[in-house]
């Protein structure tokens, strides 16, 4: 079967392409390379022995998107990653996020309908829950107003998909990620954005390797045991494998509903300081960080109840926190050798 992976040269996208190819799927990537590198496809080839097909264009361009789908009517399913994802940037430049993240999805859904492509897995986020009042978060947790425009684009995107499937043949799954970290065991692919990363783990590894003099811990006055934010961290390969399960679920008609969201997390939350201490333990490096004021758009704490995904998708996480952070550190050291 042929799977379109939008944003497939990005972080989670590239790991998902690897997993798809290793399961025998035929993959085609579309990416505009706004925050990734084309060379990633050759790293994927080194891992799988297969060079994925790749086309570079912006999915916000409807005509180019329509032309692509007309050429590739044999696509069985779409996994849609392509979106801007920085909480901080979305607060500063919300229109950039609303334009890119929503228009690209609308164009894809239009072209799917026009070409009778009926399966889509959407890359969503736990940010749709905002600051949940009860933890852990389940799929039945009430949706709160998101704390950032980025989170709002994910929430609106889910609403667009849910409305679309009501009156079409399209079936959809949204995977609400908690915090993907780490890298492939080969250290050939990992988190490697063109733009300066804002996520905690790559900021930590860049500081440890010497690319940064220090990093900021945003807020130490939260209502948590050590006063720093708590998140549920999940290995990127575990995240990628969930997409294979979701594709199988859709293609084999295992879902009773045309649209279903699933939480992807480990079910355990770790604070910022716990992540720092774990990295220092596995690397033997003392990190240089400063306490800064809270960052607008950050929520206090969140972690998942992953039972529903485990039961319905036959999926579960396999890697613990130390394995996740060690793989991220190995990836950073690999990048250092290349440079």
Protein backbone atom coordinates (compact mmCIF):
# COMPACT_ATOMS: atom_id res chain seq x y z
CA UNK A 1 0.00 0.00 0.00
CA UNK A 2 1.10 3.53 -0.74
CA UNK A 3 1.20 6.13 2.04
CA UNK A 4 1.65 9.88 1.61
CA UNK A 5 3.62 11.37 4.50
CA UNK A 6 3.43 15.17 4.56
CA UNK A 7 6.27 16.75 6.51
CA UNK A 8 8.14 13.48 6.08
CA UNK A 9 11.62 15.02 6.30
CA UNK A 10 10.81 16.45 9.72
CA UNK A 11 11.42 14.94 13.12
CA UNK A 12 8.47 12.61 13.73
CA UNK A 13 7.77 12.32 10.00
CA UNK A 14 11.19 10.88 9.14
CA UNK A 15 10.99 8.29 11.93
CA UNK A 16 7.52 7.30 10.73
CA UNK A 17 8.76 6.88 7.15
CA UNK A 18 11.41 4.47 8.47
CA UNK A 19 8.80 2.41 10.33
CA UNK A 20 6.46 2.39 7.32
CA UNK A 21 9.19 1.21 4.96
CA UNK A 22 10.32 -1.48 7.36
CA UNK A 23 6.74 -2.76 7.43
CA UNK A 24 6.65 -2.94 3.63
CA UNK A 25 4.66 0.19 2.83
CA UNK A 26 5.45 2.26 -0.25
CA UNK A 27 6.05 5.84 0.93
CA UNK A 28 6.00 9.20 -0.81
CA UNK A 29 7.03 12.34 1.09
CA UNK A 30 5.84 15.89 0.51
CA UNK A 31 7.69 18.64 2.39
CA UNK A 32 8.48 22.29 1.67
CA UNK A 33 11.69 22.06 3.75
CA UNK A 34 10.72 25.13 5.77
CA UNK A 35 12.24 23.55 8.90
CA UNK A 36 14.05 20.40 7.71
CA UNK A 37 16.65 19.12 5.26
CA UNK A 38 16.22 17.19 2.01
CA UNK A 39 19.27 15.08 2.92
CA UNK A 40 17.13 13.31 5.51
CA UNK A 41 15.82 11.03 2.76
CA UNK A 42 19.35 9.64 2.27
CA UNK A 43 19.63 8.95 6.00
CA UNK A 44 16.33 7.09 5.76
CA UNK A 45 17.77 5.10 2.85
CA UNK A 46 20.80 4.14 4.96
CA UNK A 47 18.51 2.73 7.65
CA UNK A 48 15.95 0.93 5.46
CA UNK A 49 17.79 0.34 2.19
CA UNK A 50 14.99 2.20 0.38
CA UNK A 51 15.13 5.79 -0.88
CA UNK A 52 11.65 7.26 -0.37
CA UNK A 53 10.03 9.24 -3.17
CA UNK A 54 10.14 12.93 -2.35
CA UNK A 55 8.47 16.03 -3.77
CA UNK A 56 9.15 19.54 -2.53
CA UNK A 57 6.28 22.01 -2.52
CA UNK A 58 4.05 23.97 -0.15
CA UNK A 59 0.74 22.28 0.66
CA UNK A 60 -0.78 25.73 1.18
CA UNK A 61 -0.59 26.07 -2.62
CA UNK A 62 -3.86 24.44 -3.67
CA UNK A 63 -2.98 24.12 -7.36
CA UNK A 64 0.29 22.30 -6.65
CA UNK A 65 -1.43 20.10 -4.09
CA UNK A 66 -4.23 19.24 -6.53
CA UNK A 67 -1.72 18.45 -9.29
CA UNK A 68 0.16 16.16 -6.93
CA UNK A 69 -2.93 14.19 -5.96
CA UNK A 70 -3.97 13.83 -9.60
CA UNK A 71 -0.58 12.23 -10.31
CA UNK A 72 -0.80 9.93 -7.30
CA UNK A 73 -4.36 8.60 -7.26
CA UNK A 74 -3.03 5.24 -6.02
CA UNK A 75 -2.38 6.63 -2.51
CA UNK A 76 -4.15 4.49 0.11
CA UNK A 77 -3.72 6.79 3.10
CA UNK A 78 -2.28 10.12 4.23
CA UNK A 79 -0.29 10.82 7.38
CA UNK A 80 -0.33 14.58 7.82
CA UNK A 81 2.57 15.99 9.85
CA UNK A 82 3.30 19.15 7.86
CA UNK A 83 2.74 22.09 10.22
CA UNK A 84 4.58 24.75 12.17
CA UNK A 85 4.98 23.62 15.78
CA UNK A 86 6.67 26.20 18.03
CA UNK A 87 4.45 27.32 20.90
CA UNK A 88 6.66 30.37 21.47
CA UNK A 89 6.66 31.46 17.81
CA UNK A 90 2.91 30.95 17.51
CA UNK A 91 2.33 33.39 20.37
CA UNK A 92 4.49 36.00 18.62
CA UNK A 93 3.21 35.35 15.09
CA UNK A 94 -0.24 33.71 15.30
CA UNK A 95 -1.35 34.49 11.74
CA UNK A 96 1.60 32.54 10.35
CA UNK A 97 0.37 29.50 12.26
CA UNK A 98 -3.31 29.85 11.40
CA UNK A 99 -2.52 30.32 7.72
CA UNK A 100 -0.04 27.47 7.35
CA UNK A 101 -1.51 24.83 9.64
CA UNK A 102 -5.15 25.23 8.61
CA UNK A 103 -4.89 25.95 4.87
CA UNK A 104 -2.58 22.99 4.26
CA UNK A 105 -5.02 20.63 6.00
CA UNK A 106 -8.02 22.02 4.12
CA UNK A 107 -6.22 21.59 0.79
CA UNK A 108 -5.34 17.98 1.63
CA UNK A 109 -8.90 17.11 2.64
CA UNK A 110 -10.29 18.71 -0.54
CA UNK A 111 -7.90 16.72 -2.70
CA UNK A 112 -8.59 13.51 -0.82
CA UNK A 113 -12.31 13.91 -1.50
CA UNK A 114 -11.71 14.75 -5.16
CA UNK A 115 -9.54 11.66 -5.65
CA UNK A 116 -11.42 9.16 -3.45
CA UNK A 117 -8.57 8.78 -0.94
CA UNK A 118 -10.36 7.90 2.26
CA UNK A 119 -7.87 7.42 5.11
CA UNK A 120 -5.99 10.09 7.05
CA UNK A 121 -3.96 10.06 10.25
CA UNK A 122 -3.56 13.56 11.65
CA UNK A 123 -0.63 14.69 13.76
CA UNK A 124 -2.33 16.39 16.69
CA UNK A 125 -1.13 17.37 20.15
CA UNK A 126 -1.99 17.20 23.83
CA UNK A 127 -2.10 21.01 23.65
CA UNK A 128 -5.76 20.64 22.59
CA UNK A 129 -6.56 19.90 26.26
CA UNK A 130 -5.12 23.18 27.52
CA UNK A 131 -4.52 22.93 31.26
CA UNK A 132 -6.66 19.92 32.13
CA UNK A 133 -8.34 20.08 35.54
CA UNK A 134 -8.04 16.33 36.17
CA UNK A 135 -4.95 14.22 35.44
CA UNK A 136 -4.09 11.94 33.76
CA UNK A 137 -5.75 13.07 30.55
CA UNK A 138 -8.05 10.64 28.73
CA UNK A 139 -9.69 11.05 25.34
CA UNK A 140 -12.87 12.02 27.23
CA UNK A 141 -11.14 14.87 29.08
CA UNK A 142 -12.97 18.11 28.22
CA UNK A 143 -11.24 20.20 25.58
CA UNK A 144 -10.09 23.48 27.14
CA UNK A 145 -9.13 26.71 25.43
CA UNK A 146 -5.54 26.10 24.26
CA UNK A 147 -2.78 28.12 25.87
CA UNK A 148 -1.23 29.06 22.49
CA UNK A 149 -2.21 29.72 18.86
CA UNK A 150 -0.25 26.56 17.94
CA UNK A 151 -2.49 24.50 20.24
CA UNK A 152 -5.53 26.25 18.83
CA UNK A 153 -4.57 25.29 15.26
CA UNK A 154 -4.49 21.64 16.37
CA UNK A 155 -7.88 21.98 18.05
CA UNK A 156 -9.42 23.70 15.01
CA UNK A 157 -7.82 21.13 12.69
CA UNK A 158 -9.46 18.32 14.62
CA UNK A 159 -12.80 20.11 14.33
CA UNK A 160 -12.31 20.52 10.57
CA UNK A 161 -11.56 16.81 10.19
CA UNK A 162 -14.49 15.75 12.41
CA UNK A 163 -16.89 17.91 10.36
CA UNK A 164 -15.47 16.67 7.05
CA UNK A 165 -15.86 12.95 7.79
CA UNK A 166 -19.55 13.37 8.67
CA UNK A 167 -20.50 13.87 5.03
CA UNK A 168 -17.77 12.06 3.09
CA UNK A 169 -16.19 8.63 2.82
CA UNK A 170 -13.09 9.80 4.65
CA UNK A 171 -12.11 8.04 7.89
CA UNK A 172 -9.69 9.76 10.22
CA UNK A 173 -7.63 9.28 13.36
CA UNK A 174 -6.00 12.09 15.30
CA UNK A 175 -2.97 11.15 17.37
CA UNK A 176 -2.55 13.55 20.25
CA UNK A 177 1.14 13.41 21.11
CA UNK A 178 2.45 14.25 24.49
CA UNK A 179 6.17 15.18 24.20
CA UNK A 180 8.17 13.16 21.64
CA UNK A 181 11.90 13.06 22.33
CA UNK A 182 14.91 10.94 21.44
CA UNK A 183 16.24 9.62 18.14
CA UNK A 184 16.55 6.47 16.07
CA UNK A 185 18.95 3.88 17.52
CA UNK A 186 21.18 4.26 14.44
CA UNK A 187 21.72 7.97 15.26
CA UNK A 188 21.17 8.62 11.54
CA UNK A 189 17.95 10.60 12.08
CA UNK A 190 16.77 12.71 15.00
CA UNK A 191 15.47 16.15 15.90
CA UNK A 192 17.32 18.46 13.51
CA UNK A 193 15.28 21.59 12.76
CA UNK A 194 16.58 24.39 10.55
CA UNK A 195 15.32 26.90 13.08
CA UNK A 196 16.53 27.22 16.65
CA UNK A 197 14.74 24.53 18.71
CA UNK A 198 12.60 25.53 21.67
CA UNK A 199 11.90 22.01 22.94
CA UNK A 200 13.63 21.05 26.19
CA UNK A 201 15.65 17.98 25.21
CA UNK A 202 17.41 19.36 22.10
CA UNK A 203 18.12 22.55 24.06
CA UNK A 204 19.73 20.40 26.77
CA UNK A 205 21.83 18.36 24.33
CA UNK A 206 22.95 21.48 22.44
CA UNK A 207 24.08 23.05 25.70
CA UNK A 208 25.93 19.89 26.74
CA UNK A 209 27.75 19.67 23.38
CA UNK A 210 28.75 23.36 23.51
CA UNK A 211 26.43 24.87 20.89
CA UNK A 212 24.81 26.96 23.63
CA UNK A 213 26.44 28.53 26.69
CA UNK A 214 23.36 27.93 28.82
CA UNK A 215 19.60 27.46 28.58
CA UNK A 216 16.63 28.82 30.48
CA UNK A 217 14.27 26.91 32.72
CA UNK A 218 11.04 28.84 32.30
CA UNK A 219 9.42 29.20 35.70
CA UNK A 220 10.16 27.68 39.11
CA UNK A 221 6.96 28.79 40.80
CA UNK A 222 4.50 26.21 39.46
CA UNK A 223 2.28 24.11 41.70
CA UNK A 224 4.37 20.95 41.21
CA UNK A 225 6.69 19.05 43.59
CA UNK A 226 9.87 20.84 42.41
CA UNK A 227 8.05 23.95 41.11
CA UNK A 228 8.88 23.30 37.39
CA UNK A 229 6.54 22.20 34.59
CA UNK A 230 5.64 18.53 34.22
CA UNK A 231 5.24 16.75 30.87
CA UNK A 232 4.74 13.21 29.59
CA UNK A 233 7.74 12.35 27.39
CA UNK A 234 7.47 9.63 24.73
CA UNK A 235 10.20 8.22 22.49
CA UNK A 236 9.90 9.33 18.86
CA UNK A 237 10.13 5.74 17.57
CA UNK A 238 7.28 4.69 19.87
CA UNK A 239 5.36 7.68 18.48
CA UNK A 240 6.17 6.65 14.91
CA UNK A 241 5.01 3.09 15.50
CA UNK A 242 1.62 4.37 16.65
CA UNK A 243 1.08 5.74 13.16
CA UNK A 244 1.53 2.28 11.68
CA UNK A 245 -1.08 0.98 14.11
CA UNK A 246 -3.41 3.84 13.18
CA UNK A 247 -3.01 3.16 9.44
CA UNK A 248 -3.79 -0.52 9.99
CA UNK A 249 -6.80 0.45 12.07
CA UNK A 250 -8.22 2.63 9.30
CA UNK A 251 -7.47 0.40 6.33
CA UNK A 252 -8.86 -2.68 8.08
CA UNK A 253 -12.00 -0.82 9.25
CA UNK A 254 -11.40 -1.60 12.92
CA UNK A 255 -12.92 1.68 14.12
CA UNK A 256 -16.64 2.00 14.76
CA UNK A 257 -16.41 5.76 14.22
CA UNK A 258 -15.32 7.70 11.14
CA UNK A 259 -13.26 9.95 13.37
CA UNK A 260 -11.38 8.98 16.53
CA UNK A 261 -8.68 10.72 18.60
CA UNK A 262 -6.06 8.81 20.61
CA UNK A 263 -3.58 9.98 23.26
CA UNK A 264 0.05 8.97 22.75
CA UNK A 265 1.99 9.07 25.99
CA UNK A 266 3.64 6.88 28.61
CA UNK A 267 1.24 7.71 31.41
CA UNK A 268 3.94 9.27 33.59
CA UNK A 269 4.92 12.91 33.96
CA UNK A 270 8.43 14.26 34.54
CA UNK A 271 9.39 17.78 35.57
CA UNK A 272 11.92 19.95 33.78
CA UNK A 273 14.38 19.49 36.63
CA UNK A 274 13.91 15.70 36.54
CA UNK A 275 14.78 15.71 32.84
CA UNK A 276 17.89 17.80 33.56
CA UNK A 277 19.00 15.46 36.38
CA UNK A 278 18.41 12.37 34.21
CA UNK A 279 20.53 13.82 31.41
CA UNK A 280 23.33 14.72 33.85
CA UNK A 281 23.23 11.17 35.22
CA UNK A 282 23.49 9.39 31.84
CA UNK A 283 26.01 11.80 30.30
CA UNK A 284 28.19 12.71 33.28
CA UNK A 285 27.93 16.38 32.21
CA UNK A 286 26.84 19.18 34.52
CA UNK A 287 24.42 21.42 32.66
CA UNK A 288 24.52 25.21 32.74
CA UNK A 289 21.02 26.62 33.09
CA UNK A 290 19.30 29.65 34.53
CA UNK A 291 15.87 30.09 36.04
CA UNK A 292 13.78 32.51 33.97
CA UNK A 293 10.24 33.80 34.28
CA UNK A 294 7.36 31.70 32.99
CA UNK A 295 6.97 31.49 29.22
CA UNK A 296 3.62 32.58 27.79
CA UNK A 297 1.74 29.63 26.31
CA UNK A 298 3.18 26.97 28.65
CA UNK A 299 0.82 24.96 30.81
CA UNK A 300 1.72 23.77 34.30
CA UNK A 301 1.48 19.98 34.03
CA UNK A 302 0.01 17.27 31.86
CA UNK A 303 0.39 13.56 31.30
CA UNK A 304 -1.61 10.94 29.46
CA UNK A 305 -3.74 7.95 30.21
CA UNK A 306 -2.64 5.76 27.25
CA UNK A 307 -5.06 2.85 27.89
CA UNK A 308 -7.40 3.63 24.99
CA UNK A 309 -4.60 3.64 22.40
CA UNK A 310 -3.23 0.44 23.90
CA UNK A 311 -6.59 -1.32 23.64
CA UNK A 312 -7.85 -0.02 20.29
CA UNK A 313 -4.59 0.39 18.37
CA UNK A 314 -2.74 -2.52 19.95
CA UNK A 315 0.11 -0.13 20.71
CA UNK A 316 2.18 0.72 23.74
CA UNK A 317 5.40 2.55 24.54
CA UNK A 318 8.57 0.46 24.84
CA UNK A 319 11.34 2.84 25.96
CA UNK A 320 11.95 4.39 29.40
CA UNK A 321 13.12 7.92 30.13
CA UNK A 322 16.83 7.08 30.33
CA UNK A 323 16.69 5.29 26.96
CA UNK A 324 14.90 8.26 25.42
CA UNK A 325 17.41 10.80 26.67
CA UNK A 326 20.43 8.62 25.86
CA UNK A 327 19.25 8.27 22.25
CA UNK A 328 18.88 12.06 22.00
CA UNK A 329 22.40 12.52 23.37
CA UNK A 330 23.84 9.94 20.94
CA UNK A 331 22.13 11.81 18.10
CA UNK A 332 23.63 15.13 19.23
CA UNK A 333 27.10 13.58 19.35
CA UNK A 334 26.57 12.15 15.86
CA UNK A 335 25.69 15.62 14.57
CA UNK A 336 28.85 17.01 16.17
CA UNK A 337 30.97 14.50 14.22
CA UNK A 338 29.29 15.52 10.96
CA UNK A 339 30.03 19.17 11.62
